[in-house]
Amino acid sequence: MSPEEKDEDVLVLTDDDGVEHEFELVDVFQVDDKEYAVLLPLEEGAEPDEAVIMRVETDENGEQLLIPIEDDEEFEQAVEAYDALCSEETDEEDEEDE
């Protein structure tokens, strides 16, 4: 899936059936040598906690692509890393509030 930047943090992704979907780019993070993007669907009826994590890869032309994670182990590693990152940020915010 190649992202079309519509706004600074809004991406339009086209699925395999040619249907376009809008997502908000929430965060980009790294696990080992791989980069991942966290996206929230902006469509009506989408659950607010229904985040999607996709791998970011660069093609031969230097363009970034978002690739669905099909390997369960890789997906779990990405989710755990993002959860840890969120937990770390929450802890830092709590310390600042004290």
N, C-alpha and C. Protein backbone atom coordinates (compact mmCIF):
# COMPACT_ATOMS: atom_id res chain seq x y z
N MET A 1 0.84 -1.18 0.00
CA MET A 1 0.00 0.00 0.00
C MET A 1 0.88 1.23 0.00
N SER A 2 0.64 2.11 -0.88
CA SER A 2 1.42 3.34 -0.87
C SER A 2 0.55 4.46 -0.31
N PRO A 3 1.14 5.21 0.62
CA PRO A 3 0.36 6.28 1.24
C PRO A 3 0.34 7.52 0.36
N GLU A 4 -0.80 8.17 0.29
CA GLU A 4 -0.92 9.49 -0.34
C GLU A 4 -1.10 10.46 0.80
N GLU A 5 -0.22 11.46 0.90
CA GLU A 5 -0.36 12.41 1.98
C GLU A 5 -1.43 13.43 1.62
N LYS A 6 -2.49 13.45 2.39
CA LYS A 6 -3.59 14.36 2.15
C LYS A 6 -3.40 15.61 3.00
N ASP A 7 -3.03 15.41 4.21
CA ASP A 7 -2.74 16.47 5.16
C ASP A 7 -1.47 16.04 5.86
N GLU A 8 -0.95 16.84 6.74
CA GLU A 8 0.32 16.50 7.38
C GLU A 8 0.27 15.15 8.10
N ASP A 9 -0.79 14.90 8.85
CA ASP A 9 -0.88 13.67 9.63
C ASP A 9 -1.98 12.73 9.14
N VAL A 10 -2.56 13.00 7.97
CA VAL A 10 -3.61 12.15 7.43
C VAL A 10 -3.09 11.47 6.16
N LEU A 11 -3.20 10.15 6.14
CA LEU A 11 -2.77 9.37 4.99
C LEU A 11 -3.98 8.68 4.38
N VAL A 12 -3.97 8.57 3.08
CA VAL A 12 -5.00 7.83 2.37
C VAL A 12 -4.35 6.58 1.82
N LEU A 13 -4.83 5.42 2.27
CA LEU A 13 -4.30 4.15 1.81
C LEU A 13 -5.35 3.46 0.95
N THR A 14 -4.88 2.84 -0.11
CA THR A 14 -5.77 2.11 -1.00
C THR A 14 -5.58 0.62 -0.75
N ASP A 15 -6.68 -0.09 -0.45
CA ASP A 15 -6.58 -1.51 -0.17
C ASP A 15 -6.51 -2.32 -1.46
N ASP A 16 -6.43 -3.62 -1.33
CA ASP A 16 -6.30 -4.51 -2.49
C ASP A 16 -7.49 -4.44 -3.44
N ASP A 17 -8.64 -3.98 -2.94
CA ASP A 17 -9.84 -3.87 -3.77
C ASP A 17 -9.98 -2.49 -4.42
N GLY A 18 -8.98 -1.62 -4.19
CA GLY A 18 -9.02 -0.28 -4.77
C GLY A 18 -9.82 0.73 -3.96
N VAL A 19 -10.22 0.35 -2.76
CA VAL A 19 -11.00 1.24 -1.89
C VAL A 19 -10.03 2.08 -1.06
N GLU A 20 -10.26 3.39 -1.04
CA GLU A 20 -9.41 4.29 -0.26
C GLU A 20 -9.91 4.40 1.17
N HIS A 21 -8.95 4.46 2.11
CA HIS A 21 -9.25 4.59 3.54
C HIS A 21 -8.35 5.68 4.11
N GLU A 22 -8.93 6.56 4.94
CA GLU A 22 -8.16 7.63 5.56
C GLU A 22 -7.73 7.21 6.96
N PHE A 23 -6.46 7.51 7.28
CA PHE A 23 -5.90 7.21 8.58
C PHE A 23 -5.13 8.43 9.09
N GLU A 24 -5.13 8.60 10.39
CA GLU A 24 -4.29 9.60 11.03
C GLU A 24 -3.00 8.92 11.44
N LEU A 25 -1.87 9.51 11.08
CA LEU A 25 -0.58 9.00 11.50
C LEU A 25 -0.35 9.44 12.93
N VAL A 26 -0.34 8.48 13.86
CA VAL A 26 -0.24 8.79 15.28
C VAL A 26 1.21 8.81 15.73
N ASP A 27 1.99 7.85 15.26
CA ASP A 27 3.37 7.74 15.73
C ASP A 27 4.16 6.87 14.77
N VAL A 28 5.47 7.04 14.80
CA VAL A 28 6.41 6.19 14.09
C VAL A 28 7.45 5.77 15.11
N PHE A 29 7.77 4.48 15.16
CA PHE A 29 8.75 3.98 16.12
C PHE A 29 9.57 2.88 15.49
N GLN A 30 10.67 2.53 16.17
CA GLN A 30 11.57 1.52 15.63
C GLN A 30 11.71 0.34 16.58
N VAL A 31 11.80 -0.84 16.00
CA VAL A 31 12.10 -2.07 16.73
C VAL A 31 13.24 -2.72 15.97
N ASP A 32 14.36 -2.88 16.65
CA ASP A 32 15.57 -3.38 16.03
C ASP A 32 15.88 -2.50 14.80
N ASP A 33 15.93 -3.08 13.62
CA ASP A 33 16.26 -2.29 12.43
C ASP A 33 15.04 -2.01 11.57
N LYS A 34 13.85 -2.22 12.11
CA LYS A 34 12.62 -2.00 11.34
C LYS A 34 11.85 -0.81 11.91
N GLU A 35 11.21 -0.07 11.01
CA GLU A 35 10.42 1.09 11.40
C GLU A 35 8.94 0.76 11.22
N TYR A 36 8.12 1.23 12.15
CA TYR A 36 6.68 0.96 12.13
C TYR A 36 5.90 2.26 12.28
N ALA A 37 4.70 2.28 11.70
CA ALA A 37 3.81 3.43 11.81
C ALA A 37 2.53 2.98 12.51
N VAL A 38 2.03 3.83 13.39
CA VAL A 38 0.77 3.58 14.08
C VAL A 38 -0.26 4.50 13.45
N LEU A 39 -1.35 3.91 12.95
CA LEU A 39 -2.38 4.65 12.25
C LEU A 39 -3.73 4.44 12.91
N LEU A 40 -4.53 5.51 12.95
CA LEU A 40 -5.91 5.41 13.44
C LEU A 40 -6.85 5.67 12.28
N PRO A 41 -7.84 4.78 12.08
CA PRO A 41 -8.80 5.00 10.99
C PRO A 41 -9.66 6.23 11.28
N LEU A 42 -9.92 7.01 10.24
CA LEU A 42 -10.74 8.22 10.38
C LEU A 42 -12.14 8.04 9.84
N GLU A 43 -12.49 6.82 9.47
CA GLU A 43 -13.79 6.54 8.88
C GLU A 43 -14.89 6.53 9.95
N GLU A 44 -16.08 6.87 9.52
CA GLU A 44 -17.21 6.83 10.43
C GLU A 44 -17.42 5.40 10.91
N GLY A 45 -17.73 5.27 12.18
CA GLY A 45 -17.99 3.96 12.75
C GLY A 45 -16.75 3.24 13.23
N ALA A 46 -15.57 3.78 12.95
CA ALA A 46 -14.34 3.14 13.41
C ALA A 46 -14.18 3.40 14.91
N GLU A 47 -13.73 2.39 15.60
CA GLU A 47 -13.51 2.51 17.04
C GLU A 47 -12.28 3.39 17.29
N PRO A 48 -12.33 4.28 18.28
CA PRO A 48 -11.19 5.18 18.51
C PRO A 48 -9.92 4.46 18.97
N ASP A 49 -10.05 3.25 19.51
CA ASP A 49 -8.87 2.52 19.96
C ASP A 49 -8.48 1.43 18.96
N GLU A 50 -8.94 1.55 17.73
CA GLU A 50 -8.72 0.56 16.70
C GLU A 50 -7.48 0.90 15.87
N ALA A 51 -6.33 1.05 16.51
CA ALA A 51 -5.10 1.43 15.83
C ALA A 51 -4.59 0.30 14.94
N VAL A 52 -3.91 0.69 13.88
CA VAL A 52 -3.31 -0.25 12.94
C VAL A 52 -1.81 0.01 12.96
N ILE A 53 -1.01 -1.05 13.05
CA ILE A 53 0.43 -0.91 12.99
C ILE A 53 0.91 -1.54 11.68
N MET A 54 1.68 -0.75 10.91
CA MET A 54 2.21 -1.24 9.65
C MET A 54 3.72 -0.98 9.61
N ARG A 55 4.43 -1.83 8.89
CA ARG A 55 5.88 -1.67 8.73
C ARG A 55 6.14 -0.62 7.66
N VAL A 56 7.13 0.25 7.91
CA VAL A 56 7.52 1.27 6.94
C VAL A 56 8.75 0.75 6.20
N GLU A 57 8.66 0.70 4.88
CA GLU A 57 9.79 0.28 4.06
C GLU A 57 10.03 1.33 2.99
N THR A 58 11.24 1.38 2.46
CA THR A 58 11.58 2.31 1.40
C THR A 58 11.83 1.51 0.12
N ASP A 59 11.17 1.91 -0.97
CA ASP A 59 11.34 1.19 -2.22
C ASP A 59 12.60 1.65 -2.96
N GLU A 60 12.83 1.09 -4.14
CA GLU A 60 14.04 1.40 -4.90
C GLU A 60 14.10 2.84 -5.37
N ASN A 61 12.97 3.54 -5.36
CA ASN A 61 12.92 4.95 -5.75
C ASN A 61 13.05 5.89 -4.56
N GLY A 62 13.23 5.32 -3.38
CA GLY A 62 13.36 6.12 -2.17
C GLY A 62 12.03 6.54 -1.56
N GLU A 63 10.93 6.02 -2.10
CA GLU A 63 9.62 6.36 -1.54
C GLU A 63 9.26 5.41 -0.41
N GLN A 64 8.64 5.96 0.63
CA GLN A 64 8.23 5.13 1.76
C GLN A 64 6.91 4.45 1.47
N LEU A 65 6.83 3.18 1.84
CA LEU A 65 5.63 2.37 1.68
C LEU A 65 5.21 1.84 3.03
N LEU A 66 3.91 1.67 3.22
CA LEU A 66 3.40 1.03 4.42
C LEU A 66 3.01 -0.39 4.05
N ILE A 67 3.60 -1.35 4.76
CA ILE A 67 3.42 -2.76 4.46
C ILE A 67 2.68 -3.43 5.62
N PRO A 68 1.58 -4.13 5.34
CA PRO A 68 0.90 -4.87 6.41
C PRO A 68 1.85 -5.92 7.01
N ILE A 69 1.76 -6.09 8.31
CA ILE A 69 2.60 -7.09 8.99
C ILE A 69 1.85 -8.41 8.97
N GLU A 70 2.38 -9.37 8.26
CA GLU A 70 1.70 -10.66 8.12
C GLU A 70 2.25 -11.71 9.08
N ASP A 71 3.45 -11.49 9.61
CA ASP A 71 4.06 -12.44 10.53
C ASP A 71 3.57 -12.15 11.95
N ASP A 72 2.93 -13.13 12.58
CA ASP A 72 2.36 -12.93 13.92
C ASP A 72 3.41 -12.54 14.95
N GLU A 73 4.58 -13.15 14.87
CA GLU A 73 5.64 -12.86 15.84
C GLU A 73 6.14 -11.42 15.69
N GLU A 74 6.33 -10.99 14.45
CA GLU A 74 6.76 -9.61 14.20
C GLU A 74 5.69 -8.63 14.68
N PHE A 75 4.42 -8.95 14.42
CA PHE A 75 3.34 -8.08 14.85
C PHE A 75 3.32 -7.96 16.38
N GLU A 76 3.44 -9.08 17.08
CA GLU A 76 3.45 -9.06 18.54
C GLU A 76 4.62 -8.24 19.08
N GLN A 77 5.79 -8.36 18.46
CA GLN A 77 6.95 -7.57 18.88
C GLN A 77 6.68 -6.08 18.70
N ALA A 78 6.07 -5.72 17.58
CA ALA A 78 5.76 -4.31 17.32
C ALA A 78 4.74 -3.78 18.33
N VAL A 79 3.71 -4.57 18.62
CA VAL A 79 2.70 -4.15 19.59
C VAL A 79 3.32 -3.99 20.98
N GLU A 80 4.12 -4.94 21.39
CA GLU A 80 4.77 -4.87 22.71
C GLU A 80 5.69 -3.65 22.80
N ALA A 81 6.45 -3.39 21.73
CA ALA A 81 7.35 -2.24 21.72
C ALA A 81 6.56 -0.93 21.80
N TYR A 82 5.45 -0.85 21.07
CA TYR A 82 4.65 0.37 21.11
C TYR A 82 3.97 0.54 22.47
N ASP A 83 3.47 -0.54 23.04
CA ASP A 83 2.88 -0.47 24.39
C ASP A 83 3.90 0.02 25.40
N ALA A 84 5.14 -0.50 25.30
CA ALA A 84 6.20 -0.08 26.22
C ALA A 84 6.53 1.39 26.02
N LEU A 85 6.55 1.83 24.77
CA LEU A 85 6.82 3.23 24.46
C LEU A 85 5.73 4.12 25.05
N CYS A 86 4.48 3.73 24.90
CA CYS A 86 3.36 4.50 25.44
C CYS A 86 3.41 4.54 26.96
N SER A 87 3.74 3.42 27.57
CA SER A 87 3.84 3.34 29.02
C SER A 87 4.96 4.25 29.53
N GLU A 88 6.07 4.26 28.81
CA GLU A 88 7.21 5.10 29.17
C GLU A 88 6.82 6.58 29.09
N GLU A 89 6.11 6.97 28.02
CA GLU A 89 5.68 8.35 27.87
C GLU A 89 4.70 8.74 28.96
N THR A 90 3.80 7.83 29.35
CA THR A 90 2.84 8.10 30.41
C THR A 90 3.56 8.31 31.73
N ASP A 91 4.57 7.47 32.00
CA ASP A 91 5.35 7.61 33.23
C ASP A 91 6.06 8.96 33.28
N GLU A 92 6.62 9.40 32.14
CA GLU A 92 7.31 10.68 32.09
C GLU A 92 6.33 11.83 32.33
N GLU A 93 5.13 11.74 31.76
CA GLU A 93 4.12 12.77 31.96
C GLU A 93 3.69 12.83 33.42
N ASP A 94 3.54 11.67 34.06
CA ASP A 94 3.17 11.62 35.47
C ASP A 94 4.23 12.27 36.34
N GLU A 95 5.51 12.05 36.02
CA GLU A 95 6.60 12.66 36.78
C GLU A 95 6.59 14.16 36.62
N GLU A 96 6.27 14.67 35.43
CA GLU A 96 6.22 16.11 35.18
C GLU A 96 5.09 16.75 35.96
N ASP A 97 3.98 16.03 36.15
CA ASP A 97 2.84 16.57 36.86
C ASP A 97 3.07 16.66 38.36
N GLU A 98 4.03 15.93 38.85
CA GLU A 98 4.27 15.92 40.32
C GLU A 98 5.03 17.13 40.76
